[in-house]
Every structure is written in structure tokens, then in C-alpha cells.
Amino acid sequence: MGARPLDMGMLVETAETARRAVQLLPLAVWVVAMVPPPVPLLLPTVLVVDSVLATVLLTVPLLLPIVLVVGWVLVTVLRPVL
């Protein structure tokens, strides 16, 4: 088959597209800099989830012995009665 001849039209078109893309690069950087990130929008949700998770993680270890003692009392005291 052999090598195809270089298509100068396609080469010029590719160079023109690259030149236009480079010219638009500052505009793209400006748009990205102006659009606020989604972090401020997600911050209240993160804080609520974090506070709920912290509350659960702090109360479960405190309540677990109470639940175990109450369960043990119910099983040992009420089981013979029932």
C-alpha cells in the first residue's frame, strides 16, 4: 500500500482549530474561576450529616450498657414470669 500523501488542507485545518482553542483558553480559565464550586452548597448538608453522625457515635456507646442491662433484667426477671 505505501504511505498516503500529506493532506495539507487537513493540516491547515488542524492548525487553525488549535489556534482558536488557544485563543479561547483565557476565556475558559475565566469561566472556571467565576463559577463557584459546589462545596458551599454542600456545606450545610455535610454539617448536618456530620452532627448527626457525631451524635450517634457519642450516644450509642453511652446507651449500649443501659440497653444491655435493661435487656438482661427483662430476660432474667420477666422470662420466668411469662
PDB file of N, CA and C in Angstrom:
ATOM      1  N   MET A   1       0.816  -1.170   0.000  1.00  0.00           N
ATOM      2  CA  MET A   1       0.000   0.000   0.000  1.00  0.00           C
ATOM      3  C   MET A   1       0.862   1.237   0.000  1.00  0.00           C
ATOM      4  N   GLY A   2       1.720   1.511   0.813  1.00  0.00           N
ATOM      5  CA  GLY A   2       2.520   2.728   0.764  1.00  0.00           C
ATOM      6  C   GLY A   2       1.917   3.835   1.595  1.00  0.00           C
ATOM      7  N   ALA A   3       2.707   4.835   1.845  1.00  0.00           N
ATOM      8  CA  ALA A   3       2.266   5.953   2.672  1.00  0.00           C
ATOM      9  C   ALA A   3       1.366   6.863   1.871  1.00  0.00           C
ATOM     10  N   ARG A   4       0.356   7.390   2.554  1.00  0.00           N
ATOM     11  CA  ARG A   4      -0.540   8.333   1.889  1.00  0.00           C
ATOM     12  C   ARG A   4       0.135   9.694   1.841  1.00  0.00           C
ATOM     13  N   PRO A   5      -0.125  10.447   0.811  1.00  0.00           N
ATOM     14  CA  PRO A   5       0.463  11.792   0.752  1.00  0.00           C
ATOM     15  C   PRO A   5      -0.141  12.681   1.840  1.00  0.00           C
ATOM     16  N   LEU A   6       0.646  13.609   2.303  1.00  0.00           N
ATOM     17  CA  LEU A   6       0.220  14.510   3.365  1.00  0.00           C
ATOM     18  C   LEU A   6      -0.868  15.432   2.841  1.00  0.00           C
ATOM     19  N   ASP A   7      -1.986  15.442   3.531  1.00  0.00           N
ATOM     20  CA  ASP A   7      -3.108  16.289   3.145  1.00  0.00           C
ATOM     21  C   ASP A   7      -2.903  17.660   3.787  1.00  0.00           C
ATOM     22  N   MET A   8      -2.465  18.623   2.996  1.00  0.00           N
ATOM     23  CA  MET A   8      -2.164  19.956   3.524  1.00  0.00           C
ATOM     24  C   MET A   8      -3.422  20.663   4.021  1.00  0.00           C
ATOM     25  N   GLY A   9      -4.545  20.385   3.383  1.00  0.00           N
ATOM     26  CA  GLY A   9      -5.791  21.024   3.823  1.00  0.00           C
ATOM     27  C   GLY A   9      -6.162  20.605   5.233  1.00  0.00           C
ATOM     28  N   MET A  10      -6.004  19.311   5.510  1.00  0.00           N
ATOM     29  CA  MET A  10      -6.320  18.820   6.847  1.00  0.00           C
ATOM     30  C   MET A  10      -5.320  19.360   7.871  1.00  0.00           C
ATOM     31  N   LEU A  11      -4.067  19.469   7.476  1.00  0.00           N
ATOM     32  CA  LEU A  11      -3.043  20.001   8.371  1.00  0.00           C
ATOM     33  C   LEU A  11      -3.328  21.462   8.714  1.00  0.00           C
ATOM     34  N   VAL A  12      -3.706  22.258   7.712  1.00  0.00           N
ATOM     35  CA  VAL A  12      -4.030  23.672   7.943  1.00  0.00           C
ATOM     36  C   VAL A  12      -5.274  23.789   8.821  1.00  0.00           C
ATOM     37  N   GLU A  13      -6.269  22.928   8.580  1.00  0.00           N
ATOM     38  CA  GLU A  13      -7.492  22.966   9.381  1.00  0.00           C
ATOM     39  C   GLU A  13      -7.193  22.606  10.844  1.00  0.00           C
ATOM     40  N   THR A  14      -6.339  21.625  11.069  1.00  0.00           N
ATOM     41  CA  THR A  14      -5.962  21.248  12.432  1.00  0.00           C
ATOM     42  C   THR A  14      -5.211  22.383  13.122  1.00  0.00           C
ATOM     43  N   ALA A  15      -4.317  23.039  12.398  1.00  0.00           N
ATOM     44  CA  ALA A  15      -3.572  24.161  12.971  1.00  0.00           C
ATOM     45  C   ALA A  15      -4.509  25.316  13.303  1.00  0.00           C
ATOM     46  N   GLU A  16      -5.482  25.565  12.448  1.00  0.00           N
ATOM     47  CA  GLU A  16      -6.449  26.642  12.692  1.00  0.00           C
ATOM     48  C   GLU A  16      -7.313  26.327  13.919  1.00  0.00           C
ATOM     49  N   THR A  17      -7.725  25.087  14.049  1.00  0.00           N
ATOM     50  CA  THR A  17      -8.513  24.689  15.221  1.00  0.00           C
ATOM     51  C   THR A  17      -7.695  24.833  16.494  1.00  0.00           C
ATOM     52  N   ALA A  18      -6.431  24.443  16.446  1.00  0.00           N
ATOM     53  CA  ALA A  18      -5.563  24.579  17.618  1.00  0.00           C
ATOM     54  C   ALA A  18      -5.358  26.047  17.971  1.00  0.00           C
ATOM     55  N   ARG A  19      -5.218  26.900  16.964  1.00  0.00           N
ATOM     56  CA  ARG A  19      -5.036  28.331  17.219  1.00  0.00           C
ATOM     57  C   ARG A  19      -6.278  28.914  17.885  1.00  0.00           C
ATOM     58  N   ARG A  20      -7.473  28.526  17.408  1.00  0.00           N
ATOM     59  CA  ARG A  20      -8.711  29.015  18.015  1.00  0.00           C
ATOM     60  C   ARG A  20      -8.857  28.516  19.451  1.00  0.00           C
ATOM     61  N   ALA A  21      -8.464  27.274  19.681  1.00  0.00           N
ATOM     62  CA  ALA A  21      -8.560  26.719  21.038  1.00  0.00           C
ATOM     63  C   ALA A  21      -7.641  27.465  21.991  1.00  0.00           C
ATOM     64  N   VAL A  22      -6.447  27.804  21.531  1.00  0.00           N
ATOM     65  CA  VAL A  22      -5.507  28.552  22.372  1.00  0.00           C
ATOM     66  C   VAL A  22      -6.039  29.951  22.645  1.00  0.00           C
ATOM     67  N   GLN A  23      -6.720  30.551  21.667  1.00  0.00           N
ATOM     68  CA  GLN A  23      -7.297  31.876  21.885  1.00  0.00           C
ATOM     69  C   GLN A  23      -8.437  31.828  22.900  1.00  0.00           C
ATOM     70  N   LEU A  24      -9.169  30.720  22.950  1.00  0.00           N
ATOM     71  CA  LEU A  24     -10.290  30.600  23.880  1.00  0.00           C
ATOM     72  C   LEU A  24      -9.861  30.155  25.275  1.00  0.00           C
ATOM     73  N   LEU A  25      -8.619  29.779  25.439  1.00  0.00           N
ATOM     74  CA  LEU A  25      -8.149  29.280  26.729  1.00  0.00           C
ATOM     75  C   LEU A  25      -8.308  30.297  27.864  1.00  0.00           C
ATOM     76  N   PRO A  26      -7.939  31.580  27.685  1.00  0.00           N
ATOM     77  CA  PRO A  26      -8.166  32.537  28.787  1.00  0.00           C
ATOM     78  C   PRO A  26      -9.642  32.669  29.157  1.00  0.00           C
ATOM     79  N   LEU A  27     -10.529  32.613  28.167  1.00  0.00           N
ATOM     80  CA  LEU A  27     -11.963  32.679  28.456  1.00  0.00           C
ATOM     81  C   LEU A  27     -12.404  31.462  29.269  1.00  0.00           C
ATOM     82  N   ALA A  28     -11.895  30.296  28.911  1.00  0.00           N
ATOM     83  CA  ALA A  28     -12.250  29.083  29.651  1.00  0.00           C
ATOM     84  C   ALA A  28     -11.746  29.157  31.089  1.00  0.00           C
ATOM     85  N   VAL A  29     -10.542  29.662  31.275  1.00  0.00           N
ATOM     86  CA  VAL A  29      -9.995  29.809  32.633  1.00  0.00           C
ATOM     87  C   VAL A  29     -10.825  30.805  33.429  1.00  0.00           C
ATOM     88  N   TRP A  30     -11.253  31.893  32.804  1.00  0.00           N
ATOM     89  CA  TRP A  30     -12.066  32.894  33.488  1.00  0.00           C
ATOM     90  C   TRP A  30     -13.415  32.308  33.899  1.00  0.00           C
ATOM     91  N   VAL A  31     -14.046  31.537  33.000  1.00  0.00           N
ATOM     92  CA  VAL A  31     -15.352  30.935  33.315  1.00  0.00           C
ATOM     93  C   VAL A  31     -15.215  29.963  34.479  1.00  0.00           C
ATOM     94  N   VAL A  32     -14.178  29.142  34.453  1.00  0.00           N
ATOM     95  CA  VAL A  32     -13.975  28.189  35.547  1.00  0.00           C
ATOM     96  C   VAL A  32     -13.710  28.927  36.857  1.00  0.00           C
ATOM     97  N   ALA A  33     -12.997  30.045  36.793  1.00  0.00           N
ATOM     98  CA  ALA A  33     -12.705  30.804  38.012  1.00  0.00           C
ATOM     99  C   ALA A  33     -13.945  31.511  38.548  1.00  0.00           C
ATOM    100  N   MET A  34     -14.871  31.916  37.665  1.00  0.00           N
ATOM    101  CA  MET A  34     -16.051  32.649  38.094  1.00  0.00           C
ATOM    102  C   MET A  34     -17.155  31.734  38.617  1.00  0.00           C
ATOM    103  N   VAL A  35     -17.215  30.502  38.149  1.00  0.00           N
ATOM    104  CA  VAL A  35     -18.271  29.588  38.589  1.00  0.00           C
ATOM    105  C   VAL A  35     -17.905  29.082  39.979  1.00  0.00           C
ATOM    106  N   PRO A  36     -18.784  29.275  40.948  1.00  0.00           N
ATOM    107  CA  PRO A  36     -18.444  28.824  42.298  1.00  0.00           C
ATOM    108  C   PRO A  36     -18.459  27.305  42.378  1.00  0.00           C
ATOM    109  N   PRO A  37     -17.600  26.762  43.168  1.00  0.00           N
ATOM    110  CA  PRO A  37     -17.602  25.309  43.322  1.00  0.00           C
ATOM    111  C   PRO A  37     -18.828  24.859  44.119  1.00  0.00           C
ATOM    112  N   PRO A  38     -19.190  23.607  44.033  1.00  0.00           N
ATOM    113  CA  PRO A  38     -20.385  23.140  44.749  1.00  0.00           C
ATOM    114  C   PRO A  38     -20.169  22.959  46.247  1.00  0.00           C
ATOM    115  N   VAL A  39     -18.963  23.208  46.737  1.00  0.00           N
ATOM    116  CA  VAL A  39     -18.685  22.987  48.162  1.00  0.00           C
ATOM    117  C   VAL A  39     -19.550  23.870  49.060  1.00  0.00           C
ATOM    118  N   PRO A  40     -19.717  25.181  48.780  1.00  0.00           N
ATOM    119  CA  PRO A  40     -20.587  25.971  49.665  1.00  0.00           C
ATOM    120  C   PRO A  40     -22.026  25.473  49.671  1.00  0.00           C
ATOM    121  N   LEU A  41     -22.484  24.916  48.557  1.00  0.00           N
ATOM    122  CA  LEU A  41     -23.845  24.389  48.518  1.00  0.00           C
ATOM    123  C   LEU A  41     -23.966  23.114  49.337  1.00  0.00           C
ATOM    124  N   LEU A  42     -22.906  22.328  49.369  1.00  0.00           N
ATOM    125  CA  LEU A  42     -22.950  21.066  50.097  1.00  0.00           C
ATOM    126  C   LEU A  42     -22.584  21.219  51.567  1.00  0.00           C
ATOM    127  N   LEU A  43     -22.041  22.370  51.947  1.00  0.00           N
ATOM    128  CA  LEU A  43     -21.557  22.537  53.318  1.00  0.00           C
ATOM    129  C   LEU A  43     -22.646  22.350  54.374  1.00  0.00           C
ATOM    130  N   PRO A  44     -23.851  22.923  54.226  1.00  0.00           N
ATOM    131  CA  PRO A  44     -24.880  22.661  55.247  1.00  0.00           C
ATOM    132  C   PRO A  44     -25.233  21.183  55.359  1.00  0.00           C
ATOM    133  N   THR A  45     -25.307  20.498  54.233  1.00  0.00           N
ATOM    134  CA  THR A  45     -25.614  19.066  54.262  1.00  0.00           C
ATOM    135  C   THR A  45     -24.519  18.297  54.973  1.00  0.00           C
ATOM    136  N   VAL A  46     -23.275  18.648  54.686  1.00  0.00           N
ATOM    137  CA  VAL A  46     -22.151  17.970  55.339  1.00  0.00           C
ATOM    138  C   VAL A  46     -22.178  18.231  56.837  1.00  0.00           C
ATOM    139  N   LEU A  47     -22.495  19.465  57.233  1.00  0.00           N
ATOM    140  CA  LEU A  47     -22.540  19.778  58.662  1.00  0.00           C
ATOM    141  C   LEU A  47     -23.664  19.028  59.367  1.00  0.00           C
ATOM    142  N   VAL A  48     -24.823  18.920  58.725  1.00  0.00           N
ATOM    143  CA  VAL A  48     -25.944  18.194  59.337  1.00  0.00           C
ATOM    144  C   VAL A  48     -25.603  16.717  59.467  1.00  0.00           C
ATOM    145  N   VAL A  49     -25.082  16.130  58.397  1.00  0.00           N
ATOM    146  CA  VAL A  49     -24.720  14.714  58.441  1.00  0.00           C
ATOM    147  C   VAL A  49     -23.630  14.485  59.473  1.00  0.00           C
ATOM    148  N   ASP A  50     -22.675  15.403  59.534  1.00  0.00           N
ATOM    149  CA  ASP A  50     -21.587  15.264  60.494  1.00  0.00           C
ATOM    150  C   ASP A  50     -22.105  15.359  61.926  1.00  0.00           C
ATOM    151  N   SER A  51     -23.012  16.288  62.185  1.00  0.00           N
ATOM    152  CA  SER A  51     -23.525  16.420  63.551  1.00  0.00           C
ATOM    153  C   SER A  51     -24.383  15.219  63.936  1.00  0.00           C
ATOM    154  N   VAL A  52     -25.181  14.712  63.006  1.00  0.00           N
ATOM    155  CA  VAL A  52     -25.991  13.520  63.300  1.00  0.00           C
ATOM    156  C   VAL A  52     -25.088  12.321  63.555  1.00  0.00           C
ATOM    157  N   LEU A  53     -24.074  12.169  62.720  1.00  0.00           N
ATOM    158  CA  LEU A  53     -23.141  11.055  62.895  1.00  0.00           C
ATOM    159  C   LEU A  53     -22.395  11.170  64.223  1.00  0.00           C
ATOM    160  N   ALA A  54     -21.975  12.377  64.569  1.00  0.00           N
ATOM    161  CA  ALA A  54     -21.278  12.571  65.843  1.00  0.00           C
ATOM    162  C   ALA A  54     -22.206  12.274  67.016  1.00  0.00           C
ATOM    163  N   THR A  55     -23.468  12.689  66.914  1.00  0.00           N
ATOM    164  CA  THR A  55     -24.426  12.410  67.987  1.00  0.00           C
ATOM    165  C   THR A  55     -24.639  10.916  68.157  1.00  0.00           C
ATOM    166  N   VAL A  56     -24.800  10.219  67.046  1.00  0.00           N
ATOM    167  CA  VAL A  56     -24.999   8.766  67.115  1.00  0.00           C
ATOM    168  C   VAL A  56     -23.767   8.086  67.688  1.00  0.00           C
ATOM    169  N   LEU A  57     -22.596   8.497  67.214  1.00  0.00           N
ATOM    170  CA  LEU A  57     -21.371   7.858  67.692  1.00  0.00           C
ATOM    171  C   LEU A  57     -21.102   8.153  69.162  1.00  0.00           C
ATOM    172  N   LEU A  58     -21.586   9.293  69.663  1.00  0.00           N
ATOM    173  CA  LEU A  58     -21.385   9.610  71.074  1.00  0.00           C
ATOM    174  C   LEU A  58     -22.441   8.968  71.970  1.00  0.00           C
ATOM    175  N   THR A  59     -23.676   8.836  71.487  1.00  0.00           N
ATOM    176  CA  THR A  59     -24.737   8.310  72.344  1.00  0.00           C
ATOM    177  C   THR A  59     -24.813   6.793  72.336  1.00  0.00           C
ATOM    178  N   VAL A  60     -24.469   6.151  71.248  1.00  0.00           N
ATOM    179  CA  VAL A  60     -24.562   4.688  71.196  1.00  0.00           C
ATOM    180  C   VAL A  60     -23.656   4.034  72.239  1.00  0.00           C
ATOM    181  N   PRO A  61     -22.390   4.432  72.368  1.00  0.00           N
ATOM    182  CA  PRO A  61     -21.582   3.803  73.429  1.00  0.00           C
ATOM    183  C   PRO A  61     -22.106   4.093  74.838  1.00  0.00           C
ATOM    184  N   LEU A  62     -22.756   5.237  75.025  1.00  0.00           N
ATOM    185  CA  LEU A  62     -23.312   5.537  76.341  1.00  0.00           C
ATOM    186  C   LEU A  62     -24.592   4.754  76.602  1.00  0.00           C
ATOM    187  N   LEU A  63     -25.402   4.558  75.571  1.00  0.00           N
ATOM    188  CA  LEU A  63     -26.672   3.860  75.742  1.00  0.00           C
ATOM    189  C   LEU A  63     -26.532   2.346  75.687  1.00  0.00           C
ATOM    190  N   LEU A  64     -25.496   1.847  75.085  1.00  0.00           N
ATOM    191  CA  LEU A  64     -25.349   0.403  74.912  1.00  0.00           C
ATOM    192  C   LEU A  64     -25.313  -0.348  76.247  1.00  0.00           C
ATOM    193  N   PRO A  65     -24.541   0.091  77.244  1.00  0.00           N
ATOM    194  CA  PRO A  65     -24.597  -0.635  78.533  1.00  0.00           C
ATOM    195  C   PRO A  65     -25.979  -0.590  79.179  1.00  0.00           C
ATOM    196  N   ILE A  66     -26.671   0.533  79.051  1.00  0.00           N
ATOM    197  CA  ILE A  66     -28.015   0.645  79.623  1.00  0.00           C
ATOM    198  C   ILE A  66     -28.958  -0.329  78.928  1.00  0.00           C
ATOM    199  N   VAL A  67     -28.890  -0.385  77.610  1.00  0.00           N
ATOM    200  CA  VAL A  67     -29.740  -1.303  76.851  1.00  0.00           C
ATOM    201  C   VAL A  67     -29.414  -2.746  77.212  1.00  0.00           C
ATOM    202  N   LEU A  68     -28.145  -3.063  77.361  1.00  0.00           N
ATOM    203  CA  LEU A  68     -27.763  -4.429  77.721  1.00  0.00           C
ATOM    204  C   LEU A  68     -28.254  -4.792  79.121  1.00  0.00           C
ATOM    205  N   VAL A  69     -28.133  -3.868  80.079  1.00  0.00           N
ATOM    206  CA  VAL A  69     -28.595  -4.145  81.447  1.00  0.00           C
ATOM    207  C   VAL A  69     -30.107  -4.296  81.475  1.00  0.00           C
ATOM    208  N   VAL A  70     -30.827  -3.400  80.807  1.00  0.00           N
ATOM    209  CA  VAL A  70     -32.290  -3.488  80.774  1.00  0.00           C
ATOM    210  C   VAL A  70     -32.713  -4.780  80.087  1.00  0.00           C
ATOM    211  N   GLY A  71     -32.064  -5.127  78.996  1.00  0.00           N
ATOM    212  CA  GLY A  71     -32.385  -6.388  78.316  1.00  0.00           C
ATOM    213  C   GLY A  71     -32.105  -7.593  79.185  1.00  0.00           C
ATOM    214  N   TRP A  72     -30.995  -7.579  79.900  1.00  0.00           N
ATOM    215  CA  TRP A  72     -30.655  -8.700  80.783  1.00  0.00           C
ATOM    216  C   TRP A  72     -31.684  -8.826  81.905  1.00  0.00           C
ATOM    217  N   VAL A  73     -32.091  -7.669  82.474  1.00  0.00           N
ATOM    218  CA  VAL A  73     -33.104  -7.690  83.536  1.00  0.00           C
ATOM    219  C   VAL A  73     -34.427  -8.206  82.990  1.00  0.00           C
ATOM    220  N   LEU A  74     -34.824  -7.754  81.832  1.00  0.00           N
ATOM    221  CA  LEU A  74     -36.082  -8.220  81.251  1.00  0.00           C
ATOM    222  C   LEU A  74     -36.044  -9.717  80.990  1.00  0.00           C
ATOM    223  N   VAL A  75     -34.933 -10.204  80.484  1.00  0.00           N
ATOM    224  CA  VAL A  75     -34.842 -11.625  80.154  1.00  0.00           C
ATOM    225  C   VAL A  75     -34.802 -12.469  81.430  1.00  0.00           C
ATOM    226  N   THR A  76     -34.047 -12.038  82.417  1.00  0.00           N
ATOM    227  CA  THR A  76     -33.904 -12.868  83.625  1.00  0.00           C
ATOM    228  C   THR A  76     -35.083 -12.719  84.584  1.00  0.00           C
ATOM    229  N   VAL A  77     -35.686 -11.549  84.665  1.00  0.00           N
ATOM    230  CA  VAL A  77     -36.778 -11.338  85.618  1.00  0.00           C
ATOM    231  C   VAL A  77     -38.124 -11.691  85.002  1.00  0.00           C
ATOM    232  N   LEU A  78     -38.375 -11.221  83.793  1.00  0.00           N
ATOM    233  CA  LEU A  78     -39.694 -11.425  83.198  1.00  0.00           C
ATOM    234  C   LEU A  78     -39.847 -12.779  82.510  1.00  0.00           C
ATOM    235  N   ARG A  79     -38.766 -13.420  82.171  1.00  0.00           N
ATOM    236  CA  ARG A  79     -38.875 -14.708  81.480  1.00  0.00           C
ATOM    237  C   ARG A  79     -39.545 -15.764  82.367  1.00  0.00           C
ATOM    238  N   PRO A  80     -39.150 -15.870  83.631  1.00  0.00           N
ATOM    239  CA  PRO A  80     -39.871 -16.855  84.451  1.00  0.00           C
ATOM    240  C   PRO A  80     -41.338 -16.474  84.687  1.00  0.00           C
ATOM    241  N   VAL A  81     -41.616 -15.177  84.724  1.00  0.00           N
ATOM    242  CA  VAL A  81     -42.991 -14.730  84.952  1.00  0.00           C
ATOM    243  C   VAL A  81     -43.855 -15.043  83.743  1.00  0.00           C
ATOM    244  N   LEU A  82     -43.303 -14.807  82.543  1.00  0.00           N
ATOM    245  CA  LEU A  82     -44.075 -15.064  81.331  1.00  0.00           C
ATOM    246  C   LEU A  82     -44.049 -16.543  81.050  1.00  0.00           C
TER     247      LEU A  82
END
